Amino acid sequence: MPDAAPLKAISLKLEPELLDRIKSEAAARGTNVSAYIRGCVLSCLPGASADGSLTDQIQTLDPRAKGVIKDVLKRLDALEKEVFAG
């Protein structure tokens, strides 16, 4: 496995309440704040599995399975937005 590129630090200003929510959610997921924020940002960028570009690459025996996978991801995204909405 190739070495990962070194991470670069940035400065990010957040309201204290938002930072508290991020810390709490990161802890609940067993990760740190930086990794949690990276995951959130990556999920919003083009190429995230929710936009379908990665699910199109999935190899399945039954072509209908891709539709099911996309539907499950779409429903999961809607559920996460409802549960974790502000």
C-alpha atoms as a PDB file:
ATOM      1  CA  MET A   1       0.000   0.000   0.000  1.00  0.00           C
ATOM      2  CA  PRO A   2       1.474   3.381  -0.966  1.00  0.00           C
ATOM      3  CA  ASP A   3       2.164   5.945   1.723  1.00  0.00           C
ATOM      4  CA  ALA A   4      -0.589   8.514   2.160  1.00  0.00           C
ATOM      5  CA  ALA A   5       0.212  12.087   1.253  1.00  0.00           C
ATOM      6  CA  PRO A   6       1.095  14.223   4.266  1.00  0.00           C
ATOM      7  CA  LEU A   7      -1.817  16.200   5.628  1.00  0.00           C
ATOM      8  CA  LYS A   8      -1.719  19.989   5.645  1.00  0.00           C
ATOM      9  CA  ALA A   9      -3.136  21.987   8.539  1.00  0.00           C
ATOM     10  CA  ILE A  10      -5.614  24.787   7.956  1.00  0.00           C
ATOM     11  CA  SER A  11      -7.257  27.292  10.271  1.00  0.00           C
ATOM     12  CA  LEU A  12     -11.015  27.024  10.603  1.00  0.00           C
ATOM     13  CA  LYS A  13     -13.226  29.327  12.640  1.00  0.00           C
ATOM     14  CA  LEU A  14     -16.411  27.811  14.057  1.00  0.00           C
ATOM     15  CA  GLU A  15     -19.063  28.895  16.496  1.00  0.00           C
ATOM     16  CA  PRO A  16     -18.469  27.235  19.896  1.00  0.00           C
ATOM     17  CA  GLU A  17     -21.800  25.401  19.712  1.00  0.00           C
ATOM     18  CA  LEU A  18     -20.963  23.944  16.298  1.00  0.00           C
ATOM     19  CA  LEU A  19     -17.542  22.834  17.489  1.00  0.00           C
ATOM     20  CA  ASP A  20     -19.162  21.150  20.497  1.00  0.00           C
ATOM     21  CA  ARG A  21     -21.541  19.277  18.173  1.00  0.00           C
ATOM     22  CA  ILE A  22     -18.663  18.210  15.932  1.00  0.00           C
ATOM     23  CA  LYS A  23     -16.609  16.996  18.898  1.00  0.00           C
ATOM     24  CA  SER A  24     -19.569  15.055  20.242  1.00  0.00           C
ATOM     25  CA  GLU A  25     -20.339  13.398  16.910  1.00  0.00           C
ATOM     26  CA  ALA A  26     -16.681  12.585  16.268  1.00  0.00           C
ATOM     27  CA  ALA A  27     -16.411  10.956  19.702  1.00  0.00           C
ATOM     28  CA  ALA A  28     -19.614   8.997  19.116  1.00  0.00           C
ATOM     29  CA  ARG A  29     -18.122   7.657  15.889  1.00  0.00           C
ATOM     30  CA  GLY A  30     -14.823   6.813  17.564  1.00  0.00           C
ATOM     31  CA  THR A  31     -12.738   9.304  15.601  1.00  0.00           C
ATOM     32  CA  ASN A  32     -11.127  12.690  16.098  1.00  0.00           C
ATOM     33  CA  VAL A  33     -12.384  16.102  15.005  1.00  0.00           C
ATOM     34  CA  SER A  34      -9.986  16.379  12.049  1.00  0.00           C
ATOM     35  CA  ALA A  35     -10.908  12.986  10.618  1.00  0.00           C
ATOM     36  CA  TYR A  36     -14.607  13.682  11.145  1.00  0.00           C
ATOM     37  CA  ILE A  37     -14.447  17.040   9.338  1.00  0.00           C
ATOM     38  CA  ARG A  38     -12.385  15.482   6.508  1.00  0.00           C
ATOM     39  CA  GLY A  39     -15.062  12.805   6.095  1.00  0.00           C
ATOM     40  CA  CYS A  40     -17.832  15.399   6.042  1.00  0.00           C
ATOM     41  CA  VAL A  41     -16.038  17.483   3.423  1.00  0.00           C
ATOM     42  CA  LEU A  42     -15.230  14.454   1.262  1.00  0.00           C
ATOM     43  CA  SER A  43     -18.851  13.308   1.339  1.00  0.00           C
ATOM     44  CA  CYS A  44     -19.938  16.689  -0.090  1.00  0.00           C
ATOM     45  CA  LEU A  45     -17.406  16.855  -2.917  1.00  0.00           C
ATOM     46  CA  PRO A  46     -18.076  15.473  -6.410  1.00  0.00           C
ATOM     47  CA  GLY A  47     -17.095  11.830  -6.534  1.00  0.00           C
ATOM     48  CA  ALA A  48     -18.662  10.961  -3.180  1.00  0.00           C
ATOM     49  CA  SER A  49     -20.599   7.701  -3.248  1.00  0.00           C
ATOM     50  CA  ALA A  50     -23.848   9.582  -2.668  1.00  0.00           C
ATOM     51  CA  ASP A  51     -23.596  11.234  -6.093  1.00  0.00           C
ATOM     52  CA  GLY A  52     -23.608   7.873  -7.880  1.00  0.00           C
ATOM     53  CA  SER A  53     -20.240   8.113  -9.614  1.00  0.00           C
ATOM     54  CA  LEU A  54     -18.660   5.435  -7.405  1.00  0.00           C
ATOM     55  CA  THR A  55     -21.730   3.211  -7.304  1.00  0.00           C
ATOM     56  CA  ASP A  56     -21.654   3.039 -11.111  1.00  0.00           C
ATOM     57  CA  GLN A  57     -18.334   1.194 -10.807  1.00  0.00           C
ATOM     58  CA  ILE A  58     -19.736  -1.602  -8.614  1.00  0.00           C
ATOM     59  CA  GLN A  59     -19.659  -5.022 -10.279  1.00  0.00           C
ATOM     60  CA  THR A  60     -22.807  -7.083  -9.632  1.00  0.00           C
ATOM     61  CA  LEU A  61     -24.180 -10.369 -10.905  1.00  0.00           C
ATOM     62  CA  ASP A  62     -27.673  -8.920 -11.219  1.00  0.00           C
ATOM     63  CA  PRO A  63     -27.859  -5.502 -12.929  1.00  0.00           C
ATOM     64  CA  ARG A  64     -30.865  -4.597 -10.753  1.00  0.00           C
ATOM     65  CA  ALA A  65     -28.589  -4.686  -7.692  1.00  0.00           C
ATOM     66  CA  LYS A  66     -26.976  -1.347  -8.650  1.00  0.00           C
ATOM     67  CA  GLY A  67     -30.382   0.297  -8.525  1.00  0.00           C
ATOM     68  CA  VAL A  68     -31.022  -1.187  -5.100  1.00  0.00           C
ATOM     69  CA  ILE A  69     -27.632  -0.001  -3.820  1.00  0.00           C
ATOM     70  CA  LYS A  70     -28.220   3.523  -5.148  1.00  0.00           C
ATOM     71  CA  ASP A  71     -31.681   3.577  -3.570  1.00  0.00           C
ATOM     72  CA  VAL A  72     -30.306   2.464  -0.187  1.00  0.00           C
ATOM     73  CA  LEU A  73     -27.578   5.141  -0.306  1.00  0.00           C
ATOM     74  CA  LYS A  74     -30.138   7.794  -1.262  1.00  0.00           C
ATOM     75  CA  ARG A  75     -32.390   6.770   1.634  1.00  0.00           C
ATOM     76  CA  LEU A  76     -29.440   6.702   4.042  1.00  0.00           C
ATOM     77  CA  ASP A  77     -28.439  10.196   2.944  1.00  0.00           C
ATOM     78  CA  ALA A  78     -31.999  11.459   3.514  1.00  0.00           C
ATOM     79  CA  LEU A  79     -32.098   9.773   6.940  1.00  0.00           C
ATOM     80  CA  GLU A  80     -28.756  11.300   7.973  1.00  0.00           C
ATOM     81  CA  LYS A  81     -29.944  14.756   6.904  1.00  0.00           C
ATOM     82  CA  GLU A  82     -33.120  14.343   8.951  1.00  0.00           C
ATOM     83  CA  VAL A  83     -31.438  12.915  12.049  1.00  0.00           C
ATOM     84  CA  PHE A  84     -28.409  15.204  12.097  1.00  0.00           C
ATOM     85  CA  ALA A  85     -30.133  18.364  10.858  1.00  0.00           C
ATOM     86  CA  GLY A  86     -29.370  21.436  12.881  1.00  0.00           C
END
